[in-house]
Amino acid sequence: MQNISSAEVAVNEAKAEVDAAASKLALVDGEPVIGENPARLNRLKSHAEKAQEELVSIRESVEAKEALLGRATDENE
């Protein structure tokens, strides 16, 4: 399982790749001109979404474990 900081790095890197690919899109006479392969851009977006979902999952897992630890600590006192 990844830790939170490595998941955050993965999300930031994926978003940067999407932004870089999206920045290659341009409008010429009001029509989009694609400088980046649309399939690649879709894959990058999908990867960024999955990385974000993984980060959310990790954070939720940590929060749940912290709550369990807190309850166990309270019961032991």
PDB file of N, CA and C in Angstrom:
ATOM      1  N   MET A   1       0.848  -1.185   0.000  1.00  0.00           N
ATOM      2  CA  MET A   1       0.000   0.000   0.000  1.00  0.00           C
ATOM      3  C   MET A   1       0.885   1.237   0.000  1.00  0.00           C
ATOM      4  N   GLN A   2       0.499   2.198  -0.803  1.00  0.00           N
ATOM      5  CA  GLN A   2       1.268   3.430  -0.869  1.00  0.00           C
ATOM      6  C   GLN A   2       1.008   4.264   0.375  1.00  0.00           C
ATOM      7  N   ASN A   3       1.974   5.117   0.701  1.00  0.00           N
ATOM      8  CA  ASN A   3       1.707   6.051   1.770  1.00  0.00           C
ATOM      9  C   ASN A   3       1.137   7.323   1.171  1.00  0.00           C
ATOM     10  N   ILE A   4       0.639   8.205   2.041  1.00  0.00           N
ATOM     11  CA  ILE A   4      -0.054   9.401   1.576  1.00  0.00           C
ATOM     12  C   ILE A   4       0.857  10.295   0.747  1.00  0.00           C
ATOM     13  N   SER A   5       2.083  10.517   1.182  1.00  0.00           N
ATOM     14  CA  SER A   5       2.945  11.438   0.446  1.00  0.00           C
ATOM     15  C   SER A   5       3.277  10.914  -0.949  1.00  0.00           C
ATOM     16  N   SER A   6       3.508   9.620  -1.098  1.00  0.00           N
ATOM     17  CA  SER A   6       3.806   9.100  -2.432  1.00  0.00           C
ATOM     18  C   SER A   6       2.560   9.140  -3.313  1.00  0.00           C
ATOM     19  N   ALA A   7       1.386   8.955  -2.721  1.00  0.00           N
ATOM     20  CA  ALA A   7       0.145   9.054  -3.486  1.00  0.00           C
ATOM     21  C   ALA A   7      -0.082  10.497  -3.935  1.00  0.00           C
ATOM     22  N   GLU A   8       0.225  11.461  -3.056  1.00  0.00           N
ATOM     23  CA  GLU A   8       0.085  12.871  -3.427  1.00  0.00           C
ATOM     24  C   GLU A   8       1.033  13.224  -4.568  1.00  0.00           C
ATOM     25  N   VAL A   9       2.248  12.703  -4.525  1.00  0.00           N
ATOM     26  CA  VAL A   9       3.213  12.943  -5.602  1.00  0.00           C
ATOM     27  C   VAL A   9       2.677  12.358  -6.908  1.00  0.00           C
ATOM     28  N   ALA A  10       2.126  11.154  -6.848  1.00  0.00           N
ATOM     29  CA  ALA A  10       1.585  10.519  -8.051  1.00  0.00           C
ATOM     30  C   ALA A  10       0.441  11.342  -8.633  1.00  0.00           C
ATOM     31  N   VAL A  11      -0.426  11.861  -7.769  1.00  0.00           N
ATOM     32  CA  VAL A  11      -1.541  12.697  -8.235  1.00  0.00           C
ATOM     33  C   VAL A  11      -1.007  13.957  -8.899  1.00  0.00           C
ATOM     34  N   ASN A  12      -0.054  14.617  -8.250  1.00  0.00           N
ATOM     35  CA  ASN A  12       0.500  15.854  -8.811  1.00  0.00           C
ATOM     36  C   ASN A  12       1.197  15.601 -10.150  1.00  0.00           C
ATOM     37  N   GLU A  13       1.932  14.518 -10.251  1.00  0.00           N
ATOM     38  CA  GLU A  13       2.610  14.194 -11.511  1.00  0.00           C
ATOM     39  C   GLU A  13       1.600  13.894 -12.614  1.00  0.00           C
ATOM     40  N   ALA A  14       0.565  13.139 -12.270  1.00  0.00           N
ATOM     41  CA  ALA A  14      -0.459  12.798 -13.265  1.00  0.00           C
ATOM     42  C   ALA A  14      -1.188  14.057 -13.739  1.00  0.00           C
ATOM     43  N   LYS A  15      -1.512  14.943 -12.810  1.00  0.00           N
ATOM     44  CA  LYS A  15      -2.185  16.183 -13.184  1.00  0.00           C
ATOM     45  C   LYS A  15      -1.278  17.047 -14.058  1.00  0.00           C
ATOM     46  N   ALA A  16       0.005  17.077 -13.761  1.00  0.00           N
ATOM     47  CA  ALA A  16       0.945  17.855 -14.568  1.00  0.00           C
ATOM     48  C   ALA A  16       1.025  17.300 -15.989  1.00  0.00           C
ATOM     49  N   GLU A  17       1.006  15.973 -16.125  1.00  0.00           N
ATOM     50  CA  GLU A  17       1.031  15.360 -17.454  1.00  0.00           C
ATOM     51  C   GLU A  17      -0.225  15.714 -18.241  1.00  0.00           C
ATOM     52  N   VAL A  18      -1.378  15.677 -17.559  1.00  0.00           N
ATOM     53  CA  VAL A  18      -2.636  16.044 -18.220  1.00  0.00           C
ATOM     54  C   VAL A  18      -2.593  17.502 -18.647  1.00  0.00           C
ATOM     55  N   ASP A  19      -2.144  18.372 -17.750  1.00  0.00           N
ATOM     56  CA  ASP A  19      -2.064  19.803 -18.073  1.00  0.00           C
ATOM     57  C   ASP A  19      -1.132  20.047 -19.250  1.00  0.00           C
ATOM     58  N   ALA A  20      -0.004  19.361 -19.281  1.00  0.00           N
ATOM     59  CA  ALA A  20       0.950  19.529 -20.371  1.00  0.00           C
ATOM     60  C   ALA A  20       0.338  19.072 -21.696  1.00  0.00           C
ATOM     61  N   ALA A  21      -0.357  17.948 -21.667  1.00  0.00           N
ATOM     62  CA  ALA A  21      -0.984  17.443 -22.889  1.00  0.00           C
ATOM     63  C   ALA A  21      -2.126  18.354 -23.317  1.00  0.00           C
ATOM     64  N   ALA A  22      -2.918  18.816 -22.353  1.00  0.00           N
ATOM     65  CA  ALA A  22      -4.051  19.687 -22.678  1.00  0.00           C
ATOM     66  C   ALA A  22      -3.582  21.035 -23.209  1.00  0.00           C
ATOM     67  N   SER A  23      -2.422  21.489 -22.750  1.00  0.00           N
ATOM     68  CA  SER A  23      -1.923  22.783 -23.201  1.00  0.00           C
ATOM     69  C   SER A  23      -1.538  22.760 -24.677  1.00  0.00           C
ATOM     70  N   LYS A  24      -1.382  21.566 -25.228  1.00  0.00           N
ATOM     71  CA  LYS A  24      -1.048  21.441 -26.645  1.00  0.00           C
ATOM     72  C   LYS A  24      -2.273  21.584 -27.540  1.00  0.00           C
ATOM     73  N   LEU A  25      -3.458  21.626 -26.901  1.00  0.00           N
ATOM     74  CA  LEU A  25      -4.672  21.850 -27.672  1.00  0.00           C
ATOM     75  C   LEU A  25      -4.751  23.333 -27.989  1.00  0.00           C
ATOM     76  N   ALA A  26      -5.137  23.655 -29.190  1.00  0.00           N
ATOM     77  CA  ALA A  26      -5.225  25.052 -29.592  1.00  0.00           C
ATOM     78  C   ALA A  26      -6.474  25.250 -30.429  1.00  0.00           C
ATOM     79  N   LEU A  27      -6.892  26.494 -30.532  1.00  0.00           N
ATOM     80  CA  LEU A  27      -8.015  26.830 -31.389  1.00  0.00           C
ATOM     81  C   LEU A  27      -7.494  27.616 -32.585  1.00  0.00           C
ATOM     82  N   VAL A  28      -7.892  27.192 -33.751  1.00  0.00           N
ATOM     83  CA  VAL A  28      -7.555  27.899 -34.976  1.00  0.00           C
ATOM     84  C   VAL A  28      -8.871  28.184 -35.683  1.00  0.00           C
ATOM     85  N   ASP A  29      -9.185  29.455 -35.866  1.00  0.00           N
ATOM     86  CA  ASP A  29     -10.461  29.864 -36.462  1.00  0.00           C
ATOM     87  C   ASP A  29     -11.638  29.232 -35.719  1.00  0.00           C
ATOM     88  N   GLY A  30     -11.521  29.145 -34.394  1.00  0.00           N
ATOM     89  CA  GLY A  30     -12.597  28.613 -33.560  1.00  0.00           C
ATOM     90  C   GLY A  30     -12.702  27.104 -33.549  1.00  0.00           C
ATOM     91  N   GLU A  31     -11.859  26.427 -34.277  1.00  0.00           N
ATOM     92  CA  GLU A  31     -11.886  24.961 -34.320  1.00  0.00           C
ATOM     93  C   GLU A  31     -10.704  24.400 -33.535  1.00  0.00           C
ATOM     94  N   PRO A  32     -10.947  23.362 -32.739  1.00  0.00           N
ATOM     95  CA  PRO A  32      -9.833  22.785 -31.988  1.00  0.00           C
ATOM     96  C   PRO A  32      -8.833  22.087 -32.904  1.00  0.00           C
ATOM     97  N   VAL A  33      -7.597  22.350 -32.659  1.00  0.00           N
ATOM     98  CA  VAL A  33      -6.513  21.677 -33.377  1.00  0.00           C
ATOM     99  C   VAL A  33      -5.754  20.889 -32.324  1.00  0.00           C
ATOM    100  N   ILE A  34      -5.724  19.605 -32.521  1.00  0.00           N
ATOM    101  CA  ILE A  34      -5.133  18.747 -31.499  1.00  0.00           C
ATOM    102  C   ILE A  34      -3.669  18.511 -31.820  1.00  0.00           C
ATOM    103  N   GLY A  35      -2.814  18.980 -30.905  1.00  0.00           N
ATOM    104  CA  GLY A  35      -1.387  18.759 -31.058  1.00  0.00           C
ATOM    105  C   GLY A  35      -0.943  17.523 -30.292  1.00  0.00           C
ATOM    106  N   GLU A  36      -1.841  16.982 -29.499  1.00  0.00           N
ATOM    107  CA  GLU A  36      -1.550  15.806 -28.677  1.00  0.00           C
ATOM    108  C   GLU A  36      -2.545  14.725 -29.084  1.00  0.00           C
ATOM    109  N   ASN A  37      -2.119  13.505 -29.083  1.00  0.00           N
ATOM    110  CA  ASN A  37      -2.969  12.375 -29.408  1.00  0.00           C
ATOM    111  C   ASN A  37      -4.150  12.343 -28.435  1.00  0.00           C
ATOM    112  N   PRO A  38      -5.396  12.414 -28.923  1.00  0.00           N
ATOM    113  CA  PRO A  38      -6.556  12.418 -28.028  1.00  0.00           C
ATOM    114  C   PRO A  38      -6.638  11.166 -27.154  1.00  0.00           C
ATOM    115  N   ALA A  39      -6.250  10.029 -27.689  1.00  0.00           N
ATOM    116  CA  ALA A  39      -6.286   8.796 -26.892  1.00  0.00           C
ATOM    117  C   ALA A  39      -5.291   8.886 -25.739  1.00  0.00           C
ATOM    118  N   ARG A  40      -4.117   9.458 -26.007  1.00  0.00           N
ATOM    119  CA  ARG A  40      -3.115   9.621 -24.946  1.00  0.00           C
ATOM    120  C   ARG A  40      -3.635  10.577 -23.878  1.00  0.00           C
ATOM    121  N   LEU A  41      -4.270  11.662 -24.323  1.00  0.00           N
ATOM    122  CA  LEU A  41      -4.824  12.626 -23.363  1.00  0.00           C
ATOM    123  C   LEU A  41      -5.881  11.959 -22.495  1.00  0.00           C
ATOM    124  N   ASN A  42      -6.726  11.137 -23.093  1.00  0.00           N
ATOM    125  CA  ASN A  42      -7.739  10.413 -22.316  1.00  0.00           C
ATOM    126  C   ASN A  42      -7.098   9.452 -21.323  1.00  0.00           C
ATOM    127  N   ARG A  43      -6.037   8.764 -21.765  1.00  0.00           N
ATOM    128  CA  ARG A  43      -5.328   7.849 -20.845  1.00  0.00           C
ATOM    129  C   ARG A  43      -4.727   8.624 -19.680  1.00  0.00           C
ATOM    130  N   LEU A  44      -4.132   9.781 -19.978  1.00  0.00           N
ATOM    131  CA  LEU A  44      -3.537  10.591 -18.916  1.00  0.00           C
ATOM    132  C   LEU A  44      -4.596  11.061 -17.926  1.00  0.00           C
ATOM    133  N   LYS A  45      -5.742  11.469 -18.451  1.00  0.00           N
ATOM    134  CA  LYS A  45      -6.831  11.909 -17.568  1.00  0.00           C
ATOM    135  C   LYS A  45      -7.306  10.758 -16.696  1.00  0.00           C
ATOM    136  N   SER A  46      -7.428   9.582 -17.300  1.00  0.00           N
ATOM    137  CA  SER A  46      -7.858   8.406 -16.551  1.00  0.00           C
ATOM    138  C   SER A  46      -6.851   8.064 -15.455  1.00  0.00           C
ATOM    139  N   HIS A  47      -5.565   8.141 -15.816  1.00  0.00           N
ATOM    140  CA  HIS A  47      -4.510   7.872 -14.830  1.00  0.00           C
ATOM    141  C   HIS A  47      -4.570   8.876 -13.682  1.00  0.00           C
ATOM    142  N   ALA A  48      -4.791  10.143 -13.997  1.00  0.00           N
ATOM    143  CA  ALA A  48      -4.878  11.176 -12.963  1.00  0.00           C
ATOM    144  C   ALA A  48      -6.073  10.921 -12.051  1.00  0.00           C
ATOM    145  N   GLU A  49      -7.199  10.535 -12.635  1.00  0.00           N
ATOM    146  CA  GLU A  49      -8.389  10.239 -11.835  1.00  0.00           C
ATOM    147  C   GLU A  49      -8.151   9.043 -10.915  1.00  0.00           C
ATOM    148  N   LYS A  50      -7.509   8.007 -11.439  1.00  0.00           N
ATOM    149  CA  LYS A  50      -7.226   6.823 -10.620  1.00  0.00           C
ATOM    150  C   LYS A  50      -6.254   7.153  -9.491  1.00  0.00           C
ATOM    151  N   ALA A  51      -5.259   7.981  -9.787  1.00  0.00           N
ATOM    152  CA  ALA A  51      -4.305   8.383  -8.749  1.00  0.00           C
ATOM    153  C   ALA A  51      -5.018   9.173  -7.657  1.00  0.00           C
ATOM    154  N   GLN A  52      -5.941  10.047  -8.058  1.00  0.00           N
ATOM    155  CA  GLN A  52      -6.710  10.824  -7.076  1.00  0.00           C
ATOM    156  C   GLN A  52      -7.582   9.902  -6.231  1.00  0.00           C
ATOM    157  N   GLU A  53      -8.229   8.929  -6.867  1.00  0.00           N
ATOM    158  CA  GLU A  53      -9.057   7.973  -6.132  1.00  0.00           C
ATOM    159  C   GLU A  53      -8.224   7.167  -5.139  1.00  0.00           C
ATOM    160  N   GLU A  54      -7.026   6.773  -5.546  1.00  0.00           N
ATOM    161  CA  GLU A  54      -6.128   6.024  -4.655  1.00  0.00           C
ATOM    162  C   GLU A  54      -5.741   6.877  -3.449  1.00  0.00           C
ATOM    163  N   LEU A  55      -5.459   8.157  -3.689  1.00  0.00           N
ATOM    164  CA  LEU A  55      -5.110   9.066  -2.599  1.00  0.00           C
ATOM    165  C   LEU A  55      -6.274   9.200  -1.620  1.00  0.00           C
ATOM    166  N   VAL A  56      -7.470   9.370  -2.140  1.00  0.00           N
ATOM    167  CA  VAL A  56      -8.654   9.474  -1.278  1.00  0.00           C
ATOM    168  C   VAL A  56      -8.830   8.191  -0.472  1.00  0.00           C
ATOM    169  N   SER A  57      -8.648   7.051  -1.120  1.00  0.00           N
ATOM    170  CA  SER A  57      -8.778   5.765  -0.444  1.00  0.00           C
ATOM    171  C   SER A  57      -7.759   5.621   0.688  1.00  0.00           C
ATOM    172  N   ILE A  58      -6.529   6.007   0.414  1.00  0.00           N
ATOM    173  CA  ILE A  58      -5.477   5.922   1.431  1.00  0.00           C
ATOM    174  C   ILE A  58      -5.805   6.834   2.609  1.00  0.00           C
ATOM    175  N   ARG A  59      -6.236   8.052   2.308  1.00  0.00           N
ATOM    176  CA  ARG A  59      -6.584   8.988   3.389  1.00  0.00           C
ATOM    177  C   ARG A  59      -7.732   8.451   4.233  1.00  0.00           C
ATOM    178  N   GLU A  60      -8.759   7.880   3.575  1.00  0.00           N
ATOM    179  CA  GLU A  60      -9.889   7.317   4.316  1.00  0.00           C
ATOM    180  C   GLU A  60      -9.443   6.151   5.181  1.00  0.00           C
ATOM    181  N   SER A  61      -8.555   5.329   4.662  1.00  0.00           N
ATOM    182  CA  SER A  61      -8.042   4.196   5.422  1.00  0.00           C
ATOM    183  C   SER A  61      -7.278   4.667   6.657  1.00  0.00           C
ATOM    184  N   VAL A  62      -6.447   5.689   6.475  1.00  0.00           N
ATOM    185  CA  VAL A  62      -5.680   6.233   7.597  1.00  0.00           C
ATOM    186  C   VAL A  62      -6.634   6.807   8.645  1.00  0.00           C
ATOM    187  N   GLU A  63      -7.648   7.546   8.200  1.00  0.00           N
ATOM    188  CA  GLU A  63      -8.610   8.124   9.143  1.00  0.00           C
ATOM    189  C   GLU A  63      -9.342   7.039   9.925  1.00  0.00           C
ATOM    190  N   ALA A  64      -9.744   5.970   9.240  1.00  0.00           N
ATOM    191  CA  ALA A  64     -10.447   4.873   9.912  1.00  0.00           C
ATOM    192  C   ALA A  64      -9.538   4.194  10.934  1.00  0.00           C
ATOM    193  N   LYS A  65      -8.280   3.990  10.568  1.00  0.00           N
ATOM    194  CA  LYS A  65      -7.334   3.357  11.492  1.00  0.00           C
ATOM    195  C   LYS A  65      -7.042   4.254  12.688  1.00  0.00           C
ATOM    196  N   GLU A  66      -6.965   5.563  12.441  1.00  0.00           N
ATOM    197  CA  GLU A  66      -6.755   6.501  13.551  1.00  0.00           C
ATOM    198  C   GLU A  66      -7.945   6.476  14.508  1.00  0.00           C
ATOM    199  N   ALA A  67      -9.153   6.392  13.961  1.00  0.00           N
ATOM    200  CA  ALA A  67     -10.355   6.324  14.791  1.00  0.00           C
ATOM    201  C   ALA A  67     -10.366   5.042  15.623  1.00  0.00           C
ATOM    202  N   LEU A  68     -10.012   3.923  14.991  1.00  0.00           N
ATOM    203  CA  LEU A  68      -9.952   2.649  15.730  1.00  0.00           C
ATOM    204  C   LEU A  68      -8.904   2.710  16.833  1.00  0.00           C
ATOM    205  N   LEU A  69      -7.756   3.283  16.518  1.00  0.00           N
ATOM    206  CA  LEU A  69      -6.700   3.417  17.519  1.00  0.00           C
ATOM    207  C   LEU A  69      -7.166   4.288  18.674  1.00  0.00           C
ATOM    208  N   GLY A  70      -7.854   5.378  18.347  1.00  0.00           N
ATOM    209  CA  GLY A  70      -8.369   6.265  19.386  1.00  0.00           C
ATOM    210  C   GLY A  70      -9.349   5.558  20.307  1.00  0.00           C
ATOM    211  N   ARG A  71     -10.265   4.767  19.732  1.00  0.00           N
ATOM    212  CA  ARG A  71     -11.215   4.019  20.542  1.00  0.00           C
ATOM    213  C   ARG A  71     -10.526   2.962  21.399  1.00  0.00           C
ATOM    214  N   ALA A  72      -9.555   2.266  20.809  1.00  0.00           N
ATOM    215  CA  ALA A  72      -8.830   1.243  21.568  1.00  0.00           C
ATOM    216  C   ALA A  72      -8.054   1.876  22.706  1.00  0.00           C
ATOM    217  N   THR A  73      -7.465   3.021  22.458  1.00  0.00           N
ATOM    218  CA  THR A  73      -6.716   3.723  23.505  1.00  0.00           C
ATOM    219  C   THR A  73      -7.664   4.137  24.621  1.00  0.00           C
ATOM    220  N   ASP A  74      -8.829   4.669  24.254  1.00  0.00           N
ATOM    221  CA  ASP A  74      -9.816   5.095  25.264  1.00  0.00           C
ATOM    222  C   ASP A  74     -10.292   3.905  26.086  1.00  0.00           C
ATOM    223  N   GLU A  75     -10.498   2.740  25.453  1.00  0.00           N
ATOM    224  CA  GLU A  75     -10.970   1.552  26.166  1.00  0.00           C
ATOM    225  C   GLU A  75      -9.909   1.021  27.116  1.00  0.00           C
ATOM    226  N   ASN A  76      -8.653   1.193  26.777  1.00  0.00           N
ATOM    227  CA  ASN A  76      -7.579   0.683  27.620  1.00  0.00           C
ATOM    228  C   ASN A  76      -7.300   1.570  28.817  1.00  0.00           C
ATOM    229  N   GLU A  77      -7.802   2.805  28.785  1.00  0.00           N
ATOM    230  CA  GLU A  77      -7.528   3.730  29.897  1.00  0.00           C
ATOM    231  C   GLU A  77      -8.418   3.524  31.054  1.00  0.00           C
TER     232      GLU A  77
END
